[in-house]
Amino acid sequence: MKNKYLCNFQKLLRAFLIFAMFATSSQIAAAQLNVALSNARLGTMIKQIKAQSKYQFFYDP
């Protein structure tokens, strides 16, 4: 009986992971950024990316 529940849980977990993998890949494919900087600091580049997307960055300048 316990083995049956474990098998069902594993199947459900696999299905969820596959779904999450496809959902994540579609979000990554949809993200397009246009950043054209020359000799810019990292902080400036991160600000540009944050302004154009929903990505958040945490870094120590």
PDB file of N, CA and C in Angstrom:
ATOM      1  N   MET A   1       0.823  -1.194   0.000  1.00  0.00           N
ATOM      2  CA  MET A   1       0.000   0.000   0.000  1.00  0.00           C
ATOM      3  C   MET A   1       0.869   1.261   0.000  1.00  0.00           C
ATOM      4  N   LYS A   2       1.888   1.252   0.848  1.00  0.00           N
ATOM      5  CA  LYS A   2       2.785   2.396   0.921  1.00  0.00           C
ATOM      6  C   LYS A   2       3.543   2.574  -0.389  1.00  0.00           C
ATOM      7  N   ASN A   3       3.915   1.469  -1.019  1.00  0.00           N
ATOM      8  CA  ASN A   3       4.630   1.508  -2.286  1.00  0.00           C
ATOM      9  C   ASN A   3       3.761   2.120  -3.388  1.00  0.00           C
ATOM     10  N   LYS A   4       2.470   1.864  -3.349  1.00  0.00           N
ATOM     11  CA  LYS A   4       1.533   2.416  -4.338  1.00  0.00           C
ATOM     12  C   LYS A   4       1.496   3.948  -4.250  1.00  0.00           C
ATOM     13  N   TYR A   5       1.441   4.466  -3.019  1.00  0.00           N
ATOM     14  CA  TYR A   5       1.419   5.916  -2.836  1.00  0.00           C
ATOM     15  C   TYR A   5       2.736   6.553  -3.280  1.00  0.00           C
ATOM     16  N   LEU A   6       3.835   5.868  -2.993  1.00  0.00           N
ATOM     17  CA  LEU A   6       5.141   6.369  -3.405  1.00  0.00           C
ATOM     18  C   LEU A   6       5.253   6.415  -4.918  1.00  0.00           C
ATOM     19  N   CYS A   7       4.753   5.395  -5.591  1.00  0.00           N
ATOM     20  CA  CYS A   7       4.782   5.354  -7.053  1.00  0.00           C
ATOM     21  C   CYS A   7       3.931   6.479  -7.640  1.00  0.00           C
ATOM     22  N   ASN A   8       2.754   6.702  -7.072  1.00  0.00           N
ATOM     23  CA  ASN A   8       1.887   7.787  -7.547  1.00  0.00           C
ATOM     24  C   ASN A   8       2.524   9.150  -7.300  1.00  0.00           C
ATOM     25  N   PHE A   9       3.177   9.293  -6.171  1.00  0.00           N
ATOM     26  CA  PHE A   9       3.851  10.550  -5.863  1.00  0.00           C
ATOM     27  C   PHE A   9       4.990  10.799  -6.845  1.00  0.00           C
ATOM     28  N   GLN A  10       5.734   9.775  -7.178  1.00  0.00           N
ATOM     29  CA  GLN A  10       6.838   9.925  -8.122  1.00  0.00           C
ATOM     30  C   GLN A  10       6.322  10.318  -9.503  1.00  0.00           C
ATOM     31  N   LYS A  11       5.227   9.732  -9.932  1.00  0.00           N
ATOM     32  CA  LYS A  11       4.643  10.085 -11.226  1.00  0.00           C
ATOM     33  C   LYS A  11       4.176  11.542 -11.228  1.00  0.00           C
ATOM     34  N   LEU A  12       3.539  11.950 -10.149  1.00  0.00           N
ATOM     35  CA  LEU A  12       3.069  13.329 -10.041  1.00  0.00           C
ATOM     36  C   LEU A  12       4.247  14.302 -10.009  1.00  0.00           C
ATOM     37  N   LEU A  13       5.295  13.953  -9.289  1.00  0.00           N
ATOM     38  CA  LEU A  13       6.483  14.793  -9.224  1.00  0.00           C
ATOM     39  C   LEU A  13       7.149  14.930 -10.595  1.00  0.00           C
ATOM     40  N   ARG A  14       7.248  13.839 -11.329  1.00  0.00           N
ATOM     41  CA  ARG A  14       7.818  13.892 -12.682  1.00  0.00           C
ATOM     42  C   ARG A  14       7.001  14.805 -13.587  1.00  0.00           C
ATOM     43  N   ALA A  15       5.678  14.661 -13.531  1.00  0.00           N
ATOM     44  CA  ALA A  15       4.811  15.489 -14.367  1.00  0.00           C
ATOM     45  C   ALA A  15       4.981  16.966 -14.015  1.00  0.00           C
ATOM     46  N   PHE A  16       5.062  17.272 -12.724  1.00  0.00           N
ATOM     47  CA  PHE A  16       5.245  18.653 -12.295  1.00  0.00           C
ATOM     48  C   PHE A  16       6.581  19.198 -12.768  1.00  0.00           C
ATOM     49  N   LEU A  17       7.640  18.418 -12.647  1.00  0.00           N
ATOM     50  CA  LEU A  17       8.963  18.882 -13.079  1.00  0.00           C
ATOM     51  C   LEU A  17       9.013  19.125 -14.579  1.00  0.00           C
ATOM     52  N   ILE A  18       8.385  18.271 -15.353  1.00  0.00           N
ATOM     53  CA  ILE A  18       8.340  18.463 -16.807  1.00  0.00           C
ATOM     54  C   ILE A  18       7.573  19.734 -17.139  1.00  0.00           C
ATOM     55  N   PHE A  19       6.437  19.932 -16.472  1.00  0.00           N
ATOM     56  CA  PHE A  19       5.650  21.136 -16.695  1.00  0.00           C
ATOM     57  C   PHE A  19       6.449  22.385 -16.326  1.00  0.00           C
ATOM     58  N   ALA A  20       7.118  22.351 -15.181  1.00  0.00           N
ATOM     59  CA  ALA A  20       7.902  23.505 -14.736  1.00  0.00           C
ATOM     60  C   ALA A  20       9.048  23.797 -15.695  1.00  0.00           C
ATOM     61  N   MET A  21       9.646  22.743 -16.237  1.00  0.00           N
ATOM     62  CA  MET A  21      10.750  22.926 -17.169  1.00  0.00           C
ATOM     63  C   MET A  21      10.272  23.626 -18.445  1.00  0.00           C
ATOM     64  N   PHE A  22       9.127  23.210 -18.978  1.00  0.00           N
ATOM     65  CA  PHE A  22       8.605  23.846 -20.188  1.00  0.00           C
ATOM     66  C   PHE A  22       8.131  25.266 -19.914  1.00  0.00           C
ATOM     67  N   ALA A  23       7.525  25.506 -18.768  1.00  0.00           N
ATOM     68  CA  ALA A  23       7.056  26.852 -18.432  1.00  0.00           C
ATOM     69  C   ALA A  23       8.236  27.802 -18.284  1.00  0.00           C
ATOM     70  N   THR A  24       9.305  27.334 -17.660  1.00  0.00           N
ATOM     71  CA  THR A  24      10.489  28.169 -17.479  1.00  0.00           C
ATOM     72  C   THR A  24      11.169  28.453 -18.805  1.00  0.00           C
ATOM     73  N   SER A  25      11.276  27.450 -19.660  1.00  0.00           N
ATOM     74  CA  SER A  25      11.942  27.666 -20.945  1.00  0.00           C
ATOM     75  C   SER A  25      11.158  28.631 -21.824  1.00  0.00           C
ATOM     76  N   SER A  26       9.837  28.612 -21.738  1.00  0.00           N
ATOM     77  CA  SER A  26       9.053  29.544 -22.546  1.00  0.00           C
ATOM     78  C   SER A  26       9.206  30.971 -22.029  1.00  0.00           C
ATOM     79  N   GLN A  27       9.338  31.140 -20.721  1.00  0.00           N
ATOM     80  CA  GLN A  27       9.557  32.482 -20.174  1.00  0.00           C
ATOM     81  C   GLN A  27      10.924  33.010 -20.567  1.00  0.00           C
ATOM     82  N   ILE A  28      11.920  32.156 -20.573  1.00  0.00           N
ATOM     83  CA  ILE A  28      13.263  32.580 -20.956  1.00  0.00           C
ATOM     84  C   ILE A  28      13.300  32.947 -22.426  1.00  0.00           C
ATOM     85  N   ALA A  29      12.619  32.176 -23.257  1.00  0.00           N
ATOM     86  CA  ALA A  29      12.601  32.460 -24.688  1.00  0.00           C
ATOM     87  C   ALA A  29      11.874  33.775 -24.980  1.00  0.00           C
ATOM     88  N   ALA A  30      10.899  34.131 -24.147  1.00  0.00           N
ATOM     89  CA  ALA A  30      10.121  35.347 -24.382  1.00  0.00           C
ATOM     90  C   ALA A  30      10.867  36.601 -23.941  1.00  0.00           C
ATOM     91  N   ALA A  31      11.882  36.455 -23.122  1.00  0.00           N
ATOM     92  CA  ALA A  31      12.613  37.617 -22.613  1.00  0.00           C
ATOM     93  C   ALA A  31      13.611  38.105 -23.659  1.00  0.00           C
ATOM     94  N   GLN A  32      13.410  39.315 -24.115  1.00  0.00           N
ATOM     95  CA  GLN A  32      14.332  39.922 -25.064  1.00  0.00           C
ATOM     96  C   GLN A  32      14.752  41.277 -24.515  1.00  0.00           C
ATOM     97  N   LEU A  33      16.035  41.488 -24.495  1.00  0.00           N
ATOM     98  CA  LEU A  33      16.577  42.740 -23.986  1.00  0.00           C
ATOM     99  C   LEU A  33      17.388  43.423 -25.068  1.00  0.00           C
ATOM    100  N   ASN A  34      17.420  44.742 -25.007  1.00  0.00           N
ATOM    101  CA  ASN A  34      18.224  45.517 -25.929  1.00  0.00           C
ATOM    102  C   ASN A  34      19.102  46.452 -25.100  1.00  0.00           C
ATOM    103  N   VAL A  35      20.319  46.017 -24.835  1.00  0.00           N
ATOM    104  CA  VAL A  35      21.250  46.804 -24.034  1.00  0.00           C
ATOM    105  C   VAL A  35      22.486  47.053 -24.877  1.00  0.00           C
ATOM    106  N   ALA A  36      22.724  48.293 -25.185  1.00  0.00           N
ATOM    107  CA  ALA A  36      23.899  48.659 -25.980  1.00  0.00           C
ATOM    108  C   ALA A  36      24.723  49.654 -25.177  1.00  0.00           C
ATOM    109  N   LEU A  37      25.709  49.136 -24.464  1.00  0.00           N
ATOM    110  CA  LEU A  37      26.564  49.978 -23.651  1.00  0.00           C
ATOM    111  C   LEU A  37      28.018  49.713 -24.006  1.00  0.00           C
ATOM    112  N   SER A  38      28.803  50.745 -23.929  1.00  0.00           N
ATOM    113  CA  SER A  38      30.227  50.617 -24.219  1.00  0.00           C
ATOM    114  C   SER A  38      31.011  51.185 -23.044  1.00  0.00           C
ATOM    115  N   ASN A  39      31.911  50.390 -22.501  1.00  0.00           N
ATOM    116  CA  ASN A  39      32.724  50.791 -21.352  1.00  0.00           C
ATOM    117  C   ASN A  39      31.871  51.261 -20.183  1.00  0.00           C
ATOM    118  N   ALA A  40      30.788  50.553 -19.933  1.00  0.00           N
ATOM    119  CA  ALA A  40      29.883  50.918 -18.843  1.00  0.00           C
ATOM    120  C   ALA A  40      30.204  50.096 -17.603  1.00  0.00           C
ATOM    121  N   ARG A  41      29.838  50.623 -16.485  1.00  0.00           N
ATOM    122  CA  ARG A  41      30.005  49.898 -15.226  1.00  0.00           C
ATOM    123  C   ARG A  41      28.918  48.833 -15.107  1.00  0.00           C
ATOM    124  N   LEU A  42      29.196  47.842 -14.277  1.00  0.00           N
ATOM    125  CA  LEU A  42      28.256  46.752 -14.081  1.00  0.00           C
ATOM    126  C   LEU A  42      26.928  47.265 -13.537  1.00  0.00           C
ATOM    127  N   GLY A  43      26.965  48.195 -12.617  1.00  0.00           N
ATOM    128  CA  GLY A  43      25.740  48.750 -12.042  1.00  0.00           C
ATOM    129  C   GLY A  43      24.857  49.411 -13.082  1.00  0.00           C
ATOM    130  N   THR A  44      25.464  50.097 -14.032  1.00  0.00           N
ATOM    131  CA  THR A  44      24.706  50.748 -15.108  1.00  0.00           C
ATOM    132  C   THR A  44      24.027  49.707 -15.984  1.00  0.00           C
ATOM    133  N   MET A  45      24.746  48.640 -16.290  1.00  0.00           N
ATOM    134  CA  MET A  45      24.175  47.587 -17.117  1.00  0.00           C
ATOM    135  C   MET A  45      23.014  46.899 -16.397  1.00  0.00           C
ATOM    136  N   ILE A  46      23.170  46.648 -15.119  1.00  0.00           N
ATOM    137  CA  ILE A  46      22.107  46.001 -14.349  1.00  0.00           C
ATOM    138  C   ILE A  46      20.873  46.899 -14.294  1.00  0.00           C
ATOM    139  N   LYS A  47      21.076  48.195 -14.137  1.00  0.00           N
ATOM    140  CA  LYS A  47      19.928  49.121 -14.136  1.00  0.00           C
ATOM    141  C   LYS A  47      19.185  49.085 -15.464  1.00  0.00           C
ATOM    142  N   GLN A  48      19.906  48.996 -16.573  1.00  0.00           N
ATOM    143  CA  GLN A  48      19.285  48.920 -17.896  1.00  0.00           C
ATOM    144  C   GLN A  48      18.458  47.633 -18.035  1.00  0.00           C
ATOM    145  N   ILE A  49      19.023  46.531 -17.590  1.00  0.00           N
ATOM    146  CA  ILE A  49      18.315  45.252 -17.679  1.00  0.00           C
ATOM    147  C   ILE A  49      17.081  45.264 -16.797  1.00  0.00           C
ATOM    148  N   LYS A  50      17.186  45.799 -15.586  1.00  0.00           N
ATOM    149  CA  LYS A  50      16.035  45.869 -14.683  1.00  0.00           C
ATOM    150  C   LYS A  50      14.929  46.742 -15.260  1.00  0.00           C
ATOM    151  N   ALA A  51      15.303  47.811 -15.959  1.00  0.00           N
ATOM    152  CA  ALA A  51      14.310  48.717 -16.535  1.00  0.00           C
ATOM    153  C   ALA A  51      13.530  48.061 -17.672  1.00  0.00           C
ATOM    154  N   GLN A  52      14.153  47.123 -18.382  1.00  0.00           N
ATOM    155  CA  GLN A  52      13.523  46.486 -19.537  1.00  0.00           C
ATOM    156  C   GLN A  52      12.877  45.145 -19.215  1.00  0.00           C
ATOM    157  N   SER A  53      13.076  44.637 -18.020  1.00  0.00           N
ATOM    158  CA  SER A  53      12.570  43.297 -17.719  1.00  0.00           C
ATOM    159  C   SER A  53      12.046  43.233 -16.293  1.00  0.00           C
ATOM    160  N   LYS A  54      11.624  42.051 -15.911  1.00  0.00           N
ATOM    161  CA  LYS A  54      11.153  41.803 -14.551  1.00  0.00           C
ATOM    162  C   LYS A  54      12.244  41.180 -13.688  1.00  0.00           C
ATOM    163  N   TYR A  55      13.454  41.083 -14.217  1.00  0.00           N
ATOM    164  CA  TYR A  55      14.542  40.471 -13.474  1.00  0.00           C
ATOM    165  C   TYR A  55      15.015  41.393 -12.359  1.00  0.00           C
ATOM    166  N   GLN A  56      15.372  40.782 -11.246  1.00  0.00           N
ATOM    167  CA  GLN A  56      15.926  41.504 -10.108  1.00  0.00           C
ATOM    168  C   GLN A  56      17.346  41.000  -9.868  1.00  0.00           C
ATOM    169  N   PHE A  57      18.232  41.878  -9.512  1.00  0.00           N
ATOM    170  CA  PHE A  57      19.626  41.531  -9.256  1.00  0.00           C
ATOM    171  C   PHE A  57      20.004  41.966  -7.847  1.00  0.00           C
ATOM    172  N   PHE A  58      20.826  41.158  -7.218  1.00  0.00           N
ATOM    173  CA  PHE A  58      21.379  41.486  -5.923  1.00  0.00           C
ATOM    174  C   PHE A  58      22.887  41.345  -6.043  1.00  0.00           C
ATOM    175  N   TYR A  59      23.594  42.414  -5.810  1.00  0.00           N
ATOM    176  CA  TYR A  59      25.045  42.371  -5.908  1.00  0.00           C
ATOM    177  C   TYR A  59      25.641  43.395  -4.956  1.00  0.00           C
ATOM    178  N   ASP A  60      26.892  43.218  -4.654  1.00  0.00           N
ATOM    179  CA  ASP A  60      27.599  44.119  -3.764  1.00  0.00           C
ATOM    180  C   ASP A  60      28.564  44.953  -4.598  1.00  0.00           C
ATOM    181  N   PRO A  61      28.276  46.237  -4.777  1.00  0.00           N
ATOM    182  CA  PRO A  61      29.146  47.062  -5.621  1.00  0.00           C
ATOM    183  C   PRO A  61      30.518  47.184  -5.008  1.00  0.00           C
TER     184      PRO A  61
END
